[in-house]
């Protein structure tokens, strides 16, 4: 995820990266900044999430944090529309 952020914005973790990438995973395609995510990229994100049973979020005080998938889906569903 941070590699995608670096490629797109030259930043290790852009604000709301986790939400933007998850939206692409849900849609099955999309682009993030200057990066067009190919089907293989989206599949890899989905497969990695399924394999570990979660998603990574960024917390200011802790940095990158693993969140179980059920909790992540709750957080994503609560996100205000953009």
PDB file of N, CA and C in Angstrom:
ATOM      1  N   UNK A   1       0.822  -1.183   0.000  1.00  0.00           N
ATOM      2  CA  UNK A   1       0.000   0.000   0.000  1.00  0.00           C
ATOM      3  C   UNK A   1       0.866   1.246   0.000  1.00  0.00           C
ATOM      4  N   UNK A   2       1.898   1.246   0.820  1.00  0.00           N
ATOM      5  CA  UNK A   2       2.769   2.422   0.850  1.00  0.00           C
ATOM      6  C   UNK A   2       3.561   2.558  -0.448  1.00  0.00           C
ATOM      7  N   UNK A   3       3.861   1.438  -1.114  1.00  0.00           N
ATOM      8  CA  UNK A   3       4.530   1.517  -2.420  1.00  0.00           C
ATOM      9  C   UNK A   3       3.637   2.213  -3.440  1.00  0.00           C
ATOM     10  N   UNK A   4       2.354   1.913  -3.404  1.00  0.00           N
ATOM     11  CA  UNK A   4       1.408   2.569  -4.315  1.00  0.00           C
ATOM     12  C   UNK A   4       1.361   4.059  -4.014  1.00  0.00           C
ATOM     13  N   UNK A   5       1.338   4.410  -2.738  1.00  0.00           N
ATOM     14  CA  UNK A   5       1.328   5.812  -2.340  1.00  0.00           C
ATOM     15  C   UNK A   5       2.591   6.517  -2.817  1.00  0.00           C
ATOM     16  N   UNK A   6       3.730   5.855  -2.692  1.00  0.00           N
ATOM     17  CA  UNK A   6       5.001   6.427  -3.158  1.00  0.00           C
ATOM     18  C   UNK A   6       4.984   6.649  -4.666  1.00  0.00           C
ATOM     19  N   UNK A   7       4.509   5.635  -5.389  1.00  0.00           N
ATOM     20  CA  UNK A   7       4.465   5.747  -6.850  1.00  0.00           C
ATOM     21  C   UNK A   7       3.516   6.854  -7.298  1.00  0.00           C
ATOM     22  N   UNK A   8       2.404   7.004  -6.591  1.00  0.00           N
ATOM     23  CA  UNK A   8       1.380   7.974  -6.991  1.00  0.00           C
ATOM     24  C   UNK A   8       1.708   9.400  -6.578  1.00  0.00           C
ATOM     25  N   UNK A   9       2.262   9.566  -5.369  1.00  0.00           N
ATOM     26  CA  UNK A   9       2.432  10.910  -4.809  1.00  0.00           C
ATOM     27  C   UNK A   9       3.810  11.178  -4.200  1.00  0.00           C
ATOM     28  N   UNK A  10       4.727  10.234  -4.326  1.00  0.00           N
ATOM     29  CA  UNK A  10       6.045  10.379  -3.684  1.00  0.00           C
ATOM     30  C   UNK A  10       5.895  10.618  -2.183  1.00  0.00           C
ATOM     31  N   UNK A  11       4.934   9.928  -1.590  1.00  0.00           N
ATOM     32  CA  UNK A  11       4.675  10.033  -0.153  1.00  0.00           C
ATOM     33  C   UNK A  11       4.410   8.630   0.383  1.00  0.00           C
ATOM     34  N   UNK A  12       4.992   8.313   1.514  1.00  0.00           N
ATOM     35  CA  UNK A  12       4.873   6.980   2.087  1.00  0.00           C
ATOM     36  C   UNK A  12       3.460   6.546   2.395  1.00  0.00           C
ATOM     37  N   UNK A  13       2.624   7.499   2.829  1.00  0.00           N
ATOM     38  CA  UNK A  13       1.244   7.140   3.156  1.00  0.00           C
ATOM     39  C   UNK A  13       0.392   8.397   3.074  1.00  0.00           C
ATOM     40  N   UNK A  14      -0.299   8.564   1.964  1.00  0.00           N
ATOM     41  CA  UNK A  14      -1.182   9.716   1.800  1.00  0.00           C
ATOM     42  C   UNK A  14      -2.394   9.592   2.718  1.00  0.00           C
ATOM     43  N   UNK A  15      -2.929  10.722   3.126  1.00  0.00           N
ATOM     44  CA  UNK A  15      -4.126  10.732   3.961  1.00  0.00           C
ATOM     45  C   UNK A  15      -5.234   9.968   3.244  1.00  0.00           C
ATOM     46  N   UNK A  16      -5.864   9.068   3.971  1.00  0.00           N
ATOM     47  CA  UNK A  16      -6.981   8.238   3.504  1.00  0.00           C
ATOM     48  C   UNK A  16      -6.595   7.230   2.422  1.00  0.00           C
ATOM     49  N   UNK A  17      -5.319   6.928   2.322  1.00  0.00           N
ATOM     50  CA  UNK A  17      -4.858   5.909   1.375  1.00  0.00           C
ATOM     51  C   UNK A  17      -5.636   4.614   1.536  1.00  0.00           C
ATOM     52  N   UNK A  18      -5.802   4.166   2.783  1.00  0.00           N
ATOM     53  CA  UNK A  18      -6.463   2.892   3.026  1.00  0.00           C
ATOM     54  C   UNK A  18      -7.893   2.874   2.473  1.00  0.00           C
ATOM     55  N   UNK A  19      -8.589   4.007   2.600  1.00  0.00           N
ATOM     56  CA  UNK A  19      -9.962   4.105   2.090  1.00  0.00           C
ATOM     57  C   UNK A  19      -9.981   4.140   0.563  1.00  0.00           C
ATOM     58  N   UNK A  20      -9.102   4.919  -0.002  1.00  0.00           N
ATOM     59  CA  UNK A  20      -9.066   5.042  -1.459  1.00  0.00           C
ATOM     60  C   UNK A  20      -8.705   3.714  -2.125  1.00  0.00           C
ATOM     61  N   UNK A  21      -7.734   3.007  -1.559  1.00  0.00           N
ATOM     62  CA  UNK A  21      -7.356   1.722  -2.139  1.00  0.00           C
ATOM     63  C   UNK A  21      -8.453   0.679  -1.941  1.00  0.00           C
ATOM     64  N   UNK A  22      -9.115   0.715  -0.798  1.00  0.00           N
ATOM     65  CA  UNK A  22     -10.196  -0.251  -0.572  1.00  0.00           C
ATOM     66  C   UNK A  22     -11.336  -0.002  -1.555  1.00  0.00           C
ATOM     67  N   UNK A  23     -11.615   1.255  -1.842  1.00  0.00           N
ATOM     68  CA  UNK A  23     -12.655   1.574  -2.821  1.00  0.00           C
ATOM     69  C   UNK A  23     -12.301   0.979  -4.179  1.00  0.00           C
ATOM     70  N   UNK A  24     -11.026   1.007  -4.528  1.00  0.00           N
ATOM     71  CA  UNK A  24     -10.577   0.398  -5.781  1.00  0.00           C
ATOM     72  C   UNK A  24     -10.724  -1.117  -5.717  1.00  0.00           C
ATOM     73  N   UNK A  25     -10.397  -1.711  -4.567  1.00  0.00           N
ATOM     74  CA  UNK A  25     -10.564  -3.155  -4.398  1.00  0.00           C
ATOM     75  C   UNK A  25     -12.033  -3.534  -4.568  1.00  0.00           C
ATOM     76  N   UNK A  26     -12.921  -2.777  -3.962  1.00  0.00           N
ATOM     77  CA  UNK A  26     -14.359  -3.051  -4.066  1.00  0.00           C
ATOM     78  C   UNK A  26     -14.837  -2.906  -5.511  1.00  0.00           C
ATOM     79  N   UNK A  27     -14.381  -1.858  -6.177  1.00  0.00           N
ATOM     80  CA  UNK A  27     -14.799  -1.610  -7.567  1.00  0.00           C
ATOM     81  C   UNK A  27     -14.149  -2.585  -8.546  1.00  0.00           C
ATOM     82  N   UNK A  28     -12.977  -3.095  -8.184  1.00  0.00           N
ATOM     83  CA  UNK A  28     -12.266  -4.018  -9.062  1.00  0.00           C
ATOM     84  C   UNK A  28     -11.313  -3.345 -10.024  1.00  0.00           C
ATOM     85  N   UNK A  29     -11.276  -2.011 -10.009  1.00  0.00           N
ATOM     86  CA  UNK A  29     -10.374  -1.270 -10.899  1.00  0.00           C
ATOM     87  C   UNK A  29     -10.343   0.185 -10.441  1.00  0.00           C
ATOM     88  N   UNK A  30      -9.386   0.921 -10.956  1.00  0.00           N
ATOM     89  CA  UNK A  30      -9.315   2.338 -10.656  1.00  0.00           C
ATOM     90  C   UNK A  30      -7.903   2.853 -10.694  1.00  0.00           C
ATOM     91  N   UNK A  31      -7.784   4.123 -10.402  1.00  0.00           N
ATOM     92  CA  UNK A  31      -6.463   4.723 -10.340  1.00  0.00           C
ATOM     93  C   UNK A  31      -6.341   5.495  -9.047  1.00  0.00           C
ATOM     94  N   UNK A  32      -5.097   5.628  -8.638  1.00  0.00           N
ATOM     95  CA  UNK A  32      -4.777   6.335  -7.410  1.00  0.00           C
ATOM     96  C   UNK A  32      -3.695   7.342  -7.770  1.00  0.00           C
ATOM     97  N   UNK A  33      -4.063   8.606  -7.747  1.00  0.00           N
ATOM     98  CA  UNK A  33      -3.113   9.628  -8.168  1.00  0.00           C
ATOM     99  C   UNK A  33      -2.666   9.367  -9.585  1.00  0.00           C
ATOM    100  N   UNK A  34      -1.359   9.322  -9.786  1.00  0.00           N
ATOM    101  CA  UNK A  34      -0.793   9.119 -11.114  1.00  0.00           C
ATOM    102  C   UNK A  34      -0.684   7.640 -11.486  1.00  0.00           C
ATOM    103  N   UNK A  35      -1.169   6.758 -10.613  1.00  0.00           N
ATOM    104  CA  UNK A  35      -1.021   5.317 -10.827  1.00  0.00           C
ATOM    105  C   UNK A  35      -2.354   4.695 -11.222  1.00  0.00           C
ATOM    106  N   UNK A  36      -2.361   4.051 -12.373  1.00  0.00           N
ATOM    107  CA  UNK A  36      -3.522   3.278 -12.796  1.00  0.00           C
ATOM    108  C   UNK A  36      -3.298   1.854 -12.312  1.00  0.00           C
ATOM    109  N   UNK A  37      -4.180   1.386 -11.460  1.00  0.00           N
ATOM    110  CA  UNK A  37      -4.023   0.038 -10.920  1.00  0.00           C
ATOM    111  C   UNK A  37      -4.625  -0.966 -11.893  1.00  0.00           C
ATOM    112  N   UNK A  38      -3.789  -1.870 -12.322  1.00  0.00           N
ATOM    113  CA  UNK A  38      -4.204  -2.912 -13.252  1.00  0.00           C
ATOM    114  C   UNK A  38      -4.976  -3.987 -12.486  1.00  0.00           C
ATOM    115  N   UNK A  39      -5.653  -4.836 -13.219  1.00  0.00           N
ATOM    116  CA  UNK A  39      -6.425  -5.921 -12.610  1.00  0.00           C
ATOM    117  C   UNK A  39      -5.549  -6.768 -11.688  1.00  0.00           C
ATOM    118  N   UNK A  40      -4.327  -7.028 -12.098  1.00  0.00           N
ATOM    119  CA  UNK A  40      -3.402  -7.833 -11.276  1.00  0.00           C
ATOM    120  C   UNK A  40      -3.066  -7.127  -9.961  1.00  0.00           C
ATOM    121  N   UNK A  41      -2.931  -5.793  -9.990  1.00  0.00           N
ATOM    122  CA  UNK A  41      -2.642  -5.030  -8.775  1.00  0.00           C
ATOM    123  C   UNK A  41      -3.805  -5.117  -7.794  1.00  0.00           C
ATOM    124  N   UNK A  42      -5.011  -4.969  -8.330  1.00  0.00           N
ATOM    125  CA  UNK A  42      -6.207  -5.018  -7.492  1.00  0.00           C
ATOM    126  C   UNK A  42      -6.379  -6.419  -6.914  1.00  0.00           C
ATOM    127  N   UNK A  43      -6.141  -7.426  -7.729  1.00  0.00           N
ATOM    128  CA  UNK A  43      -6.228  -8.810  -7.266  1.00  0.00           C
ATOM    129  C   UNK A  43      -5.223  -9.060  -6.146  1.00  0.00           C
ATOM    130  N   UNK A  44      -4.012  -8.520  -6.305  1.00  0.00           N
ATOM    131  CA  UNK A  44      -2.996  -8.718  -5.268  1.00  0.00           C
ATOM    132  C   UNK A  44      -3.418  -8.072  -3.947  1.00  0.00           C
ATOM    133  N   UNK A  45      -3.950  -6.856  -4.002  1.00  0.00           N
ATOM    134  CA  UNK A  45      -4.441  -6.208  -2.778  1.00  0.00           C
ATOM    135  C   UNK A  45      -5.544  -7.053  -2.127  1.00  0.00           C
ATOM    136  N   UNK A  46      -6.465  -7.528  -2.940  1.00  0.00           N
ATOM    137  CA  UNK A  46      -7.580  -8.344  -2.433  1.00  0.00           C
ATOM    138  C   UNK A  46      -7.060  -9.647  -1.835  1.00  0.00           C
ATOM    139  N   UNK A  47      -6.144 -10.300  -2.529  1.00  0.00           N
ATOM    140  CA  UNK A  47      -5.602 -11.572  -2.063  1.00  0.00           C
ATOM    141  C   UNK A  47      -4.806 -11.407  -0.772  1.00  0.00           C
ATOM    142  N   UNK A  48      -4.019 -10.352  -0.705  1.00  0.00           N
ATOM    143  CA  UNK A  48      -3.239 -10.115   0.517  1.00  0.00           C
ATOM    144  C   UNK A  48      -4.161  -9.842   1.706  1.00  0.00           C
ATOM    145  N   UNK A  49      -5.201  -9.066   1.472  1.00  0.00           N
ATOM    146  CA  UNK A  49      -6.165  -8.785   2.525  1.00  0.00           C
ATOM    147  C   UNK A  49      -6.847 -10.063   2.998  1.00  0.00           C
ATOM    148  N   UNK A  50      -7.246 -10.898   2.059  1.00  0.00           N
ATOM    149  CA  UNK A  50      -7.900 -12.158   2.409  1.00  0.00           C
ATOM    150  C   UNK A  50      -6.938 -13.091   3.153  1.00  0.00           C
ATOM    151  N   UNK A  51      -5.696 -13.132   2.709  1.00  0.00           N
ATOM    152  CA  UNK A  51      -4.709 -14.026   3.325  1.00  0.00           C
ATOM    153  C   UNK A  51      -4.422 -13.663   4.780  1.00  0.00           C
ATOM    154  N   UNK A  52      -4.388 -12.370   5.059  1.00  0.00           N
ATOM    155  CA  UNK A  52      -4.084 -11.958   6.430  1.00  0.00           C
ATOM    156  C   UNK A  52      -5.348 -11.676   7.237  1.00  0.00           C
ATOM    157  N   UNK A  53      -6.498 -11.641   6.561  1.00  0.00           N
ATOM    158  CA  UNK A  53      -7.765 -11.422   7.264  1.00  0.00           C
ATOM    159  C   UNK A  53      -7.939 -10.003   7.752  1.00  0.00           C
ATOM    160  N   UNK A  54      -7.364  -9.049   7.031  1.00  0.00           N
ATOM    161  CA  UNK A  54      -7.492  -7.670   7.489  1.00  0.00           C
ATOM    162  C   UNK A  54      -7.020  -6.664   6.467  1.00  0.00           C
ATOM    163  N   UNK A  55      -6.769  -5.467   6.964  1.00  0.00           N
ATOM    164  CA  UNK A  55      -6.360  -4.337   6.141  1.00  0.00           C
ATOM    165  C   UNK A  55      -5.458  -3.476   6.998  1.00  0.00           C
ATOM    166  N   UNK A  56      -4.660  -2.645   6.375  1.00  0.00           N
ATOM    167  CA  UNK A  56      -3.757  -1.754   7.106  1.00  0.00           C
ATOM    168  C   UNK A  56      -4.329  -0.340   7.071  1.00  0.00           C
ATOM    169  N   UNK A  57      -4.334   0.293   8.232  1.00  0.00           N
ATOM    170  CA  UNK A  57      -4.744   1.691   8.326  1.00  0.00           C
ATOM    171  C   UNK A  57      -3.589   2.482   8.922  1.00  0.00           C
ATOM    172  N   UNK A  58      -3.675   3.791   8.823  1.00  0.00           N
ATOM    173  CA  UNK A  58      -2.641   4.641   9.410  1.00  0.00           C
ATOM    174  C   UNK A  58      -3.241   5.409  10.576  1.00  0.00           C
ATOM    175  N   UNK A  59      -2.620   5.285  11.744  1.00  0.00           N
ATOM    176  CA  UNK A  59      -3.008   6.051  12.926  1.00  0.00           C
ATOM    177  C   UNK A  59      -1.855   6.982  13.263  1.00  0.00           C
ATOM    178  N   UNK A  60      -2.181   8.239  13.486  1.00  0.00           N
ATOM    179  CA  UNK A  60      -1.130   9.240  13.732  1.00  0.00           C
ATOM    180  C   UNK A  60      -0.155   8.848  14.822  1.00  0.00           C
ATOM    181  N   UNK A  61      -0.671   8.330  15.922  1.00  0.00           N
ATOM    182  CA  UNK A  61       0.195   8.024  17.057  1.00  0.00           C
ATOM    183  C   UNK A  61       0.906   6.672  16.952  1.00  0.00           C
ATOM    184  N   UNK A  62       0.430   5.786  16.064  1.00  0.00           N
ATOM    185  CA  UNK A  62       1.006   4.449  15.965  1.00  0.00           C
ATOM    186  C   UNK A  62       1.621   4.137  14.602  1.00  0.00           C
ATOM    187  N   UNK A  63       1.253   4.893  13.587  1.00  0.00           N
ATOM    188  CA  UNK A  63       1.717   4.586  12.240  1.00  0.00           C
ATOM    189  C   UNK A  63       0.812   3.560  11.584  1.00  0.00           C
ATOM    190  N   UNK A  64       1.395   2.653  10.810  1.00  0.00           N
ATOM    191  CA  UNK A  64       0.625   1.636  10.105  1.00  0.00           C
ATOM    192  C   UNK A  64       0.175   0.565  11.101  1.00  0.00           C
ATOM    193  N   UNK A  65      -1.132   0.274  11.084  1.00  0.00           N
ATOM    194  CA  UNK A  65      -1.730  -0.644  12.053  1.00  0.00           C
ATOM    195  C   UNK A  65      -2.608  -1.661  11.321  1.00  0.00           C
ATOM    196  N   UNK A  66      -2.482  -2.922  11.689  1.00  0.00           N
ATOM    197  CA  UNK A  66      -3.336  -3.974  11.147  1.00  0.00           C
ATOM    198  C   UNK A  66      -4.706  -3.911  11.817  1.00  0.00           C
ATOM    199  N   UNK A  67      -5.762  -4.053  11.005  1.00  0.00           N
ATOM    200  CA  UNK A  67      -7.130  -4.080  11.510  1.00  0.00           C
ATOM    201  C   UNK A  67      -7.801  -5.328  10.931  1.00  0.00           C
ATOM    202  N   UNK A  68      -8.426  -6.156  11.783  1.00  0.00           N
ATOM    203  CA  UNK A  68      -9.144  -7.317  11.252  1.00  0.00           C
ATOM    204  C   UNK A  68     -10.190  -6.886  10.219  1.00  0.00           C
ATOM    205  N   UNK A  69     -10.424  -7.734   9.239  1.00  0.00           N
ATOM    206  CA  UNK A  69     -11.276  -7.377   8.116  1.00  0.00           C
ATOM    207  C   UNK A  69     -12.677  -6.926   8.529  1.00  0.00           C
ATOM    208  N   UNK A  70     -13.296  -7.608   9.482  1.00  0.00           N
ATOM    209  CA  UNK A  70     -14.645  -7.214   9.918  1.00  0.00           C
ATOM    210  C   UNK A  70     -14.634  -5.794  10.477  1.00  0.00           C
ATOM    211  N   UNK A  71     -13.624  -5.467  11.277  1.00  0.00           N
ATOM    212  CA  UNK A  71     -13.513  -4.112  11.831  1.00  0.00           C
ATOM    213  C   UNK A  71     -13.257  -3.098  10.715  1.00  0.00           C
ATOM    214  N   UNK A  72     -12.388  -3.457   9.773  1.00  0.00           N
ATOM    215  CA  UNK A  72     -12.099  -2.548   8.661  1.00  0.00           C
ATOM    216  C   UNK A  72     -13.364  -2.259   7.857  1.00  0.00           C
ATOM    217  N   UNK A  73     -14.152  -3.283   7.591  1.00  0.00           N
ATOM    218  CA  UNK A  73     -15.374  -3.093   6.822  1.00  0.00           C
ATOM    219  C   UNK A  73     -16.347  -2.164   7.549  1.00  0.00           C
ATOM    220  N   UNK A  74     -16.381  -2.259   8.877  1.00  0.00           N
ATOM    221  CA  UNK A  74     -17.195  -1.311   9.671  1.00  0.00           C
ATOM    222  C   UNK A  74     -16.668   0.115   9.504  1.00  0.00           C
ATOM    223  N   UNK A  75     -15.364   0.291   9.637  1.00  0.00           N
ATOM    224  CA  UNK A  75     -14.764   1.613   9.504  1.00  0.00           C
ATOM    225  C   UNK A  75     -15.032   2.181   8.114  1.00  0.00           C
ATOM    226  N   UNK A  76     -14.878   1.350   7.096  1.00  0.00           N
ATOM    227  CA  UNK A  76     -15.101   1.796   5.721  1.00  0.00           C
ATOM    228  C   UNK A  76     -16.559   2.194   5.506  1.00  0.00           C
ATOM    229  N   UNK A  77     -17.476   1.427   6.061  1.00  0.00           N
ATOM    230  CA  UNK A  77     -18.906   1.718   5.909  1.00  0.00           C
ATOM    231  C   UNK A  77     -19.287   3.017   6.618  1.00  0.00           C
ATOM    232  N   UNK A  78     -18.574   3.360   7.675  1.00  0.00           N
ATOM    233  CA  UNK A  78     -18.870   4.578   8.438  1.00  0.00           C
ATOM    234  C   UNK A  78     -18.236   5.829   7.840  1.00  0.00           C
ATOM    235  N   UNK A  79     -17.396   5.657   6.861  1.00  0.00           N
ATOM    236  CA  UNK A  79     -16.717   6.793   6.246  1.00  0.00           C
ATOM    237  C   UNK A  79     -17.737   7.705   5.570  1.00  0.00           C
ATOM    238  N   UNK A  80     -17.680   8.970   5.857  1.00  0.00           N
ATOM    239  CA  UNK A  80     -18.602   9.898   5.193  1.00  0.00           C
ATOM    240  C   UNK A  80     -18.383   9.887   3.685  1.00  0.00           C
ATOM    241  N   UNK A  81     -19.454  10.058   2.938  1.00  0.00           N
ATOM    242  CA  UNK A  81     -19.342  10.102   1.476  1.00  0.00           C
ATOM    243  C   UNK A  81     -18.461  11.252   1.061  1.00  0.00           C
ATOM    244  N   UNK A  82     -17.729  11.034  -0.008  1.00  0.00           N
ATOM    245  CA  UNK A  82     -16.835  12.081  -0.514  1.00  0.00           C
ATOM    246  C   UNK A  82     -17.327  12.614  -1.806  1.00  0.00           C
TER     247      UNK A  82
END
